[in-house]
Amino acid sequence: RRIIMICVILGCVAYVFFVLYDYACIYKKHKFFKYGFVAGLSLLLASTAVLVVRAFSQTESTTLRIAFLLTLAFIFLGLLIYTLFFAIPFSATYVSGGSKLCMDGVYALCRHPGVLWLAGFYCCLWLAFDTYELLAAFAAFTVLDVLYVIFQDKWTFIRMFPDYQCYKGETPFIIPTWTSIKKCIHTLSAGKEPR
């Protein structure tokens, strides 16, 4: 159990690397920090993989409930991957340090839709396997993700994007509204390019 809790702690450390990556994007210093996003993502993926493999190995049989919840978890994971890597220009965001603000598609839903998908992913994993470690991961990673996007909202993005204040005025922070849901659906169905 101690090793598993170390995995949860390492997943939490991932958010330190995410903040360092934001710092490198703004100040263009400390080239090592540019790899913070990759390092943080690697830590989060590795810790999650260990937690899931451990939980799965302790499960005596796969029930329909577990299968359903794992399907939901992978849907949330797919939405997270799409939001982070396909809904925004990958190269401009993660290679050159971000220069283009996306306000359409899932980013019309709310300013930080990834928080919803990440929370949904870990919640479904916890409900599927019902382990203390996955509950700890769900709670810790979700809280840290919310704190991280608050940091981005108040520090990183206002320095990175000149029109971010306007975007803040038009789009909800995390919880979508009926208006933002309609805008998200409209821009996705119209096939608009990220702007």
C-alpha atoms as a PDB file:
ATOM      1  CA  ARG A   1       0.000   0.000   0.000  1.00  0.00           C
ATOM      2  CA  ARG A   2       2.906   2.388   0.704  1.00  0.00           C
ATOM      3  CA  ILE A   3       4.164   2.043  -2.887  1.00  0.00           C
ATOM      4  CA  ILE A   4       0.680   2.778  -4.207  1.00  0.00           C
ATOM      5  CA  MET A   5       0.399   5.928  -2.088  1.00  0.00           C
ATOM      6  CA  ILE A   6       3.814   6.999  -3.385  1.00  0.00           C
ATOM      7  CA  CYS A   7       2.280   6.774  -6.871  1.00  0.00           C
ATOM      8  CA  VAL A   8      -0.491   9.147  -5.798  1.00  0.00           C
ATOM      9  CA  ILE A   9       2.112  11.555  -4.404  1.00  0.00           C
ATOM     10  CA  LEU A  10       4.117  11.389  -7.648  1.00  0.00           C
ATOM     11  CA  GLY A  11       0.927  12.168  -9.557  1.00  0.00           C
ATOM     12  CA  CYS A  12       0.542  15.247  -7.360  1.00  0.00           C
ATOM     13  CA  VAL A  13       4.154  16.281  -8.083  1.00  0.00           C
ATOM     14  CA  ALA A  14       3.188  16.352 -11.774  1.00  0.00           C
ATOM     15  CA  TYR A  15       1.383  19.637 -11.139  1.00  0.00           C
ATOM     16  CA  VAL A  16       4.618  21.261  -9.965  1.00  0.00           C
ATOM     17  CA  PHE A  17       6.088  20.456 -13.374  1.00  0.00           C
ATOM     18  CA  PHE A  18       3.007  21.907 -15.097  1.00  0.00           C
ATOM     19  CA  VAL A  19       3.497  25.198 -13.237  1.00  0.00           C
ATOM     20  CA  LEU A  20       7.207  25.231 -14.156  1.00  0.00           C
ATOM     21  CA  TYR A  21       6.218  24.716 -17.788  1.00  0.00           C
ATOM     22  CA  ASP A  22       3.886  27.736 -17.617  1.00  0.00           C
ATOM     23  CA  TYR A  23       6.708  29.774 -16.083  1.00  0.00           C
ATOM     24  CA  ALA A  24       9.034  28.792 -18.951  1.00  0.00           C
ATOM     25  CA  CYS A  25       6.371  29.723 -21.526  1.00  0.00           C
ATOM     26  CA  ILE A  26       5.991  33.224 -20.133  1.00  0.00           C
ATOM     27  CA  TYR A  27       9.588  34.149 -19.351  1.00  0.00           C
ATOM     28  CA  LYS A  28      11.342  32.088 -22.051  1.00  0.00           C
ATOM     29  CA  LYS A  29      14.015  31.219 -19.503  1.00  0.00           C
ATOM     30  CA  HIS A  30      15.256  28.006 -17.969  1.00  0.00           C
ATOM     31  CA  LYS A  31      15.015  25.836 -21.063  1.00  0.00           C
ATOM     32  CA  PHE A  32      14.812  22.747 -18.861  1.00  0.00           C
ATOM     33  CA  PHE A  33      11.387  23.893 -17.623  1.00  0.00           C
ATOM     34  CA  LYS A  34      10.055  23.714 -21.194  1.00  0.00           C
ATOM     35  CA  TYR A  35       9.950  19.965 -20.650  1.00  0.00           C
ATOM     36  CA  GLY A  36       7.805  20.412 -17.550  1.00  0.00           C
ATOM     37  CA  PHE A  37       4.610  19.557 -19.388  1.00  0.00           C
ATOM     38  CA  VAL A  38       6.048  16.279 -20.717  1.00  0.00           C
ATOM     39  CA  ALA A  39       7.576  15.431 -17.334  1.00  0.00           C
ATOM     40  CA  GLY A  40       4.331  16.164 -15.483  1.00  0.00           C
ATOM     41  CA  LEU A  41       2.243  14.244 -17.987  1.00  0.00           C
ATOM     42  CA  SER A  42       4.613  11.269 -17.763  1.00  0.00           C
ATOM     43  CA  LEU A  43       4.388  11.231 -13.952  1.00  0.00           C
ATOM     44  CA  LEU A  44       0.600  11.448 -14.036  1.00  0.00           C
ATOM     45  CA  LEU A  45       0.289   8.683 -16.641  1.00  0.00           C
ATOM     46  CA  ALA A  46       2.729   6.381 -14.861  1.00  0.00           C
ATOM     47  CA  SER A  47       1.100   6.813 -11.455  1.00  0.00           C
ATOM     48  CA  THR A  48      -2.365   6.284 -12.924  1.00  0.00           C
ATOM     49  CA  ALA A  49      -1.245   3.159 -14.774  1.00  0.00           C
ATOM     50  CA  VAL A  50       0.157   1.640 -11.567  1.00  0.00           C
ATOM     51  CA  LEU A  51      -3.011   2.481  -9.630  1.00  0.00           C
ATOM     52  CA  VAL A  52      -5.287   0.951 -12.287  1.00  0.00           C
ATOM     53  CA  VAL A  53      -3.182  -2.199 -12.753  1.00  0.00           C
ATOM     54  CA  ARG A  54      -3.066  -2.705  -8.989  1.00  0.00           C
ATOM     55  CA  ALA A  55      -6.830  -2.172  -8.626  1.00  0.00           C
ATOM     56  CA  PHE A  56      -7.578  -4.460 -11.571  1.00  0.00           C
ATOM     57  CA  SER A  57      -5.362  -7.222 -10.146  1.00  0.00           C
ATOM     58  CA  GLN A  58      -7.356  -7.128  -6.905  1.00  0.00           C
ATOM     59  CA  THR A  59     -10.701  -7.402  -8.710  1.00  0.00           C
ATOM     60  CA  GLU A  60     -12.027 -10.960  -8.586  1.00  0.00           C
ATOM     61  CA  SER A  61     -14.323 -10.670 -11.595  1.00  0.00           C
ATOM     62  CA  THR A  62     -15.295  -8.108 -14.179  1.00  0.00           C
ATOM     63  CA  THR A  63     -18.931  -7.189 -13.749  1.00  0.00           C
ATOM     64  CA  LEU A  64     -21.200  -5.270 -16.083  1.00  0.00           C
ATOM     65  CA  ARG A  65     -20.987  -2.295 -13.688  1.00  0.00           C
ATOM     66  CA  ILE A  66     -17.189  -2.257 -13.875  1.00  0.00           C
ATOM     67  CA  ALA A  67     -17.276  -2.586 -17.671  1.00  0.00           C
ATOM     68  CA  PHE A  68     -19.752   0.302 -17.933  1.00  0.00           C
ATOM     69  CA  LEU A  69     -17.730   2.568 -15.631  1.00  0.00           C
ATOM     70  CA  LEU A  70     -14.475   1.760 -17.437  1.00  0.00           C
ATOM     71  CA  THR A  71     -16.162   2.593 -20.742  1.00  0.00           C
ATOM     72  CA  LEU A  72     -17.224   5.940 -19.283  1.00  0.00           C
ATOM     73  CA  ALA A  73     -13.686   6.482 -17.969  1.00  0.00           C
ATOM     74  CA  PHE A  74     -12.218   5.944 -21.435  1.00  0.00           C
ATOM     75  CA  ILE A  75     -14.788   8.323 -22.957  1.00  0.00           C
ATOM     76  CA  PHE A  76     -13.671  10.992 -20.480  1.00  0.00           C
ATOM     77  CA  LEU A  77     -10.028  10.168 -21.264  1.00  0.00           C
ATOM     78  CA  GLY A  78     -10.739  10.506 -24.981  1.00  0.00           C
ATOM     79  CA  LEU A  79     -12.359  13.899 -24.387  1.00  0.00           C
ATOM     80  CA  LEU A  80      -9.335  14.977 -22.330  1.00  0.00           C
ATOM     81  CA  ILE A  81      -6.883  13.909 -25.042  1.00  0.00           C
ATOM     82  CA  TYR A  82      -8.954  15.650 -27.711  1.00  0.00           C
ATOM     83  CA  THR A  83      -9.206  18.842 -25.631  1.00  0.00           C
ATOM     84  CA  LEU A  84      -5.494  19.057 -24.852  1.00  0.00           C
ATOM     85  CA  PHE A  85      -3.967  17.837 -28.098  1.00  0.00           C
ATOM     86  CA  PHE A  86      -6.435  18.161 -30.977  1.00  0.00           C
ATOM     87  CA  ALA A  87      -8.866  20.999 -30.184  1.00  0.00           C
ATOM     88  CA  ILE A  88      -5.947  23.446 -30.080  1.00  0.00           C
ATOM     89  CA  PRO A  89      -2.966  23.720 -32.445  1.00  0.00           C
ATOM     90  CA  PHE A  90      -0.463  21.256 -30.949  1.00  0.00           C
ATOM     91  CA  SER A  91       2.756  22.829 -32.230  1.00  0.00           C
ATOM     92  CA  ALA A  92       1.812  26.400 -31.310  1.00  0.00           C
ATOM     93  CA  THR A  93       0.717  25.307 -27.848  1.00  0.00           C
ATOM     94  CA  TYR A  94       3.310  22.768 -26.698  1.00  0.00           C
ATOM     95  CA  VAL A  95       6.325  23.312 -28.956  1.00  0.00           C
ATOM     96  CA  SER A  96       6.602  27.078 -29.380  1.00  0.00           C
ATOM     97  CA  GLY A  97       5.063  27.815 -25.984  1.00  0.00           C
ATOM     98  CA  GLY A  98       1.589  28.928 -26.889  1.00  0.00           C
ATOM     99  CA  SER A  99       0.592  31.922 -28.962  1.00  0.00           C
ATOM    100  CA  LYS A 100      -2.954  31.327 -30.182  1.00  0.00           C
ATOM    101  CA  LEU A 101      -6.052  31.440 -27.995  1.00  0.00           C
ATOM    102  CA  CYS A 102      -8.767  28.922 -28.829  1.00  0.00           C
ATOM    103  CA  MET A 103     -12.298  30.131 -28.022  1.00  0.00           C
ATOM    104  CA  ASP A 104     -14.390  27.730 -30.115  1.00  0.00           C
ATOM    105  CA  GLY A 105     -15.461  24.083 -29.857  1.00  0.00           C
ATOM    106  CA  VAL A 106     -14.884  22.604 -26.412  1.00  0.00           C
ATOM    107  CA  TYR A 107     -13.255  25.885 -25.388  1.00  0.00           C
ATOM    108  CA  ALA A 108     -16.596  27.613 -25.945  1.00  0.00           C
ATOM    109  CA  LEU A 109     -18.080  25.216 -23.381  1.00  0.00           C
ATOM    110  CA  CYS A 110     -15.867  26.629 -20.628  1.00  0.00           C
ATOM    111  CA  ARG A 111     -12.366  28.025 -20.318  1.00  0.00           C
ATOM    112  CA  HIS A 112     -10.967  24.831 -18.789  1.00  0.00           C
ATOM    113  CA  PRO A 113     -12.977  21.827 -20.076  1.00  0.00           C
ATOM    114  CA  GLY A 114     -10.062  19.499 -19.331  1.00  0.00           C
ATOM    115  CA  VAL A 115     -10.882  19.782 -15.623  1.00  0.00           C
ATOM    116  CA  LEU A 116     -14.311  18.247 -16.246  1.00  0.00           C
ATOM    117  CA  TRP A 117     -12.893  15.372 -18.297  1.00  0.00           C
ATOM    118  CA  LEU A 118     -10.039  14.645 -15.862  1.00  0.00           C
ATOM    119  CA  ALA A 119     -12.410  14.633 -12.871  1.00  0.00           C
ATOM    120  CA  GLY A 120     -14.843  12.374 -14.764  1.00  0.00           C
ATOM    121  CA  PHE A 121     -12.034   9.975 -15.703  1.00  0.00           C
ATOM    122  CA  TYR A 122     -10.729   9.533 -12.156  1.00  0.00           C
ATOM    123  CA  CYS A 123     -14.215   9.443 -10.653  1.00  0.00           C
ATOM    124  CA  CYS A 124     -15.198   6.573 -12.969  1.00  0.00           C
ATOM    125  CA  LEU A 125     -11.998   4.680 -12.149  1.00  0.00           C
ATOM    126  CA  TRP A 126     -12.693   5.040  -8.438  1.00  0.00           C
ATOM    127  CA  LEU A 127     -16.333   3.979  -8.801  1.00  0.00           C
ATOM    128  CA  ALA A 128     -15.300   1.007 -10.931  1.00  0.00           C
ATOM    129  CA  PHE A 129     -12.737  -0.426  -8.516  1.00  0.00           C
ATOM    130  CA  ASP A 130     -13.725   1.243  -5.227  1.00  0.00           C
ATOM    131  CA  THR A 131     -10.227   1.429  -3.770  1.00  0.00           C
ATOM    132  CA  TYR A 132      -8.954   3.945  -1.229  1.00  0.00           C
ATOM    133  CA  GLU A 133      -5.974   4.745  -3.484  1.00  0.00           C
ATOM    134  CA  LEU A 134      -8.154   5.612  -6.484  1.00  0.00           C
ATOM    135  CA  LEU A 135     -10.385   7.745  -4.255  1.00  0.00           C
ATOM    136  CA  ALA A 136      -7.254   9.576  -3.053  1.00  0.00           C
ATOM    137  CA  ALA A 137      -6.091  10.020  -6.651  1.00  0.00           C
ATOM    138  CA  PHE A 138      -9.519  11.278  -7.756  1.00  0.00           C
ATOM    139  CA  ALA A 139      -9.694  13.812  -4.916  1.00  0.00           C
ATOM    140  CA  ALA A 140      -6.056  14.955  -5.060  1.00  0.00           C
ATOM    141  CA  PHE A 141      -5.694  15.205  -8.841  1.00  0.00           C
ATOM    142  CA  THR A 142      -9.021  16.997  -9.245  1.00  0.00           C
ATOM    143  CA  VAL A 143      -8.265  19.548  -6.525  1.00  0.00           C
ATOM    144  CA  LEU A 144      -4.765  20.147  -7.907  1.00  0.00           C
ATOM    145  CA  ASP A 145      -6.145  20.462 -11.427  1.00  0.00           C
ATOM    146  CA  VAL A 146      -8.625  23.116 -10.264  1.00  0.00           C
ATOM    147  CA  LEU A 147      -5.846  24.995  -8.425  1.00  0.00           C
ATOM    148  CA  TYR A 148      -3.652  24.753 -11.517  1.00  0.00           C
ATOM    149  CA  VAL A 149      -6.291  26.230 -13.846  1.00  0.00           C
ATOM    150  CA  ILE A 150      -6.949  29.016 -11.327  1.00  0.00           C
ATOM    151  CA  PHE A 151      -3.229  29.797 -11.562  1.00  0.00           C
ATOM    152  CA  GLN A 152      -3.429  29.700 -15.362  1.00  0.00           C
ATOM    153  CA  ASP A 153      -6.541  31.865 -15.395  1.00  0.00           C
ATOM    154  CA  LYS A 154      -5.090  34.548 -13.120  1.00  0.00           C
ATOM    155  CA  TRP A 155      -1.423  34.482 -14.108  1.00  0.00           C
ATOM    156  CA  THR A 156      -0.383  32.461 -17.158  1.00  0.00           C
ATOM    157  CA  PHE A 157      -3.039  33.128 -19.777  1.00  0.00           C
ATOM    158  CA  ILE A 158      -3.454  36.859 -19.185  1.00  0.00           C
ATOM    159  CA  ARG A 159       0.274  37.164 -19.944  1.00  0.00           C
ATOM    160  CA  MET A 160       0.209  34.710 -22.839  1.00  0.00           C
ATOM    161  CA  PHE A 161      -2.905  35.886 -24.706  1.00  0.00           C
ATOM    162  CA  PRO A 162      -3.723  39.592 -25.235  1.00  0.00           C
ATOM    163  CA  ASP A 163      -7.443  38.840 -25.703  1.00  0.00           C
ATOM    164  CA  TYR A 164      -7.802  36.501 -22.713  1.00  0.00           C
ATOM    165  CA  GLN A 165      -9.709  39.060 -20.614  1.00  0.00           C
ATOM    166  CA  CYS A 166     -12.328  39.288 -23.352  1.00  0.00           C
ATOM    167  CA  TYR A 167     -12.534  35.480 -23.462  1.00  0.00           C
ATOM    168  CA  LYS A 168     -13.024  35.428 -19.674  1.00  0.00           C
ATOM    169  CA  GLY A 169     -15.949  37.781 -20.037  1.00  0.00           C
ATOM    170  CA  GLU A 170     -17.642  35.579 -22.653  1.00  0.00           C
ATOM    171  CA  THR A 171     -16.965  32.048 -21.398  1.00  0.00           C
ATOM    172  CA  PRO A 172     -17.564  30.412 -17.980  1.00  0.00           C
ATOM    173  CA  PHE A 173     -14.587  29.255 -15.920  1.00  0.00           C
ATOM    174  CA  ILE A 174     -15.288  25.504 -15.447  1.00  0.00           C
ATOM    175  CA  ILE A 175     -19.037  24.951 -15.114  1.00  0.00           C
ATOM    176  CA  PRO A 176     -20.792  25.311 -18.506  1.00  0.00           C
ATOM    177  CA  THR A 177     -23.935  27.382 -18.910  1.00  0.00           C
ATOM    178  CA  TRP A 178     -26.808  26.743 -21.301  1.00  0.00           C
ATOM    179  CA  THR A 179     -25.474  29.543 -23.531  1.00  0.00           C
ATOM    180  CA  SER A 180     -21.933  28.121 -23.584  1.00  0.00           C
ATOM    181  CA  ILE A 181     -23.252  24.618 -24.335  1.00  0.00           C
ATOM    182  CA  LYS A 182     -25.157  25.963 -27.343  1.00  0.00           C
ATOM    183  CA  LYS A 183     -22.074  27.894 -28.524  1.00  0.00           C
ATOM    184  CA  CYS A 184     -19.906  24.787 -28.154  1.00  0.00           C
ATOM    185  CA  ILE A 185     -22.339  22.672 -30.192  1.00  0.00           C
ATOM    186  CA  HIS A 186     -22.698  25.404 -32.831  1.00  0.00           C
ATOM    187  CA  THR A 187     -18.945  25.897 -33.331  1.00  0.00           C
ATOM    188  CA  LEU A 188     -18.272  22.147 -33.374  1.00  0.00           C
ATOM    189  CA  SER A 189     -21.027  21.497 -35.927  1.00  0.00           C
ATOM    190  CA  ALA A 190     -19.820  24.437 -38.020  1.00  0.00           C
ATOM    191  CA  GLY A 191     -16.341  22.921 -38.049  1.00  0.00           C
ATOM    192  CA  LYS A 192     -14.639  26.173 -37.105  1.00  0.00           C
ATOM    193  CA  GLU A 193     -10.873  26.298 -36.946  1.00  0.00           C
ATOM    194  CA  PRO A 194      -9.375  27.079 -33.515  1.00  0.00           C
ATOM    195  CA  ARG A 195      -9.002  30.821 -33.033  1.00  0.00           C
END
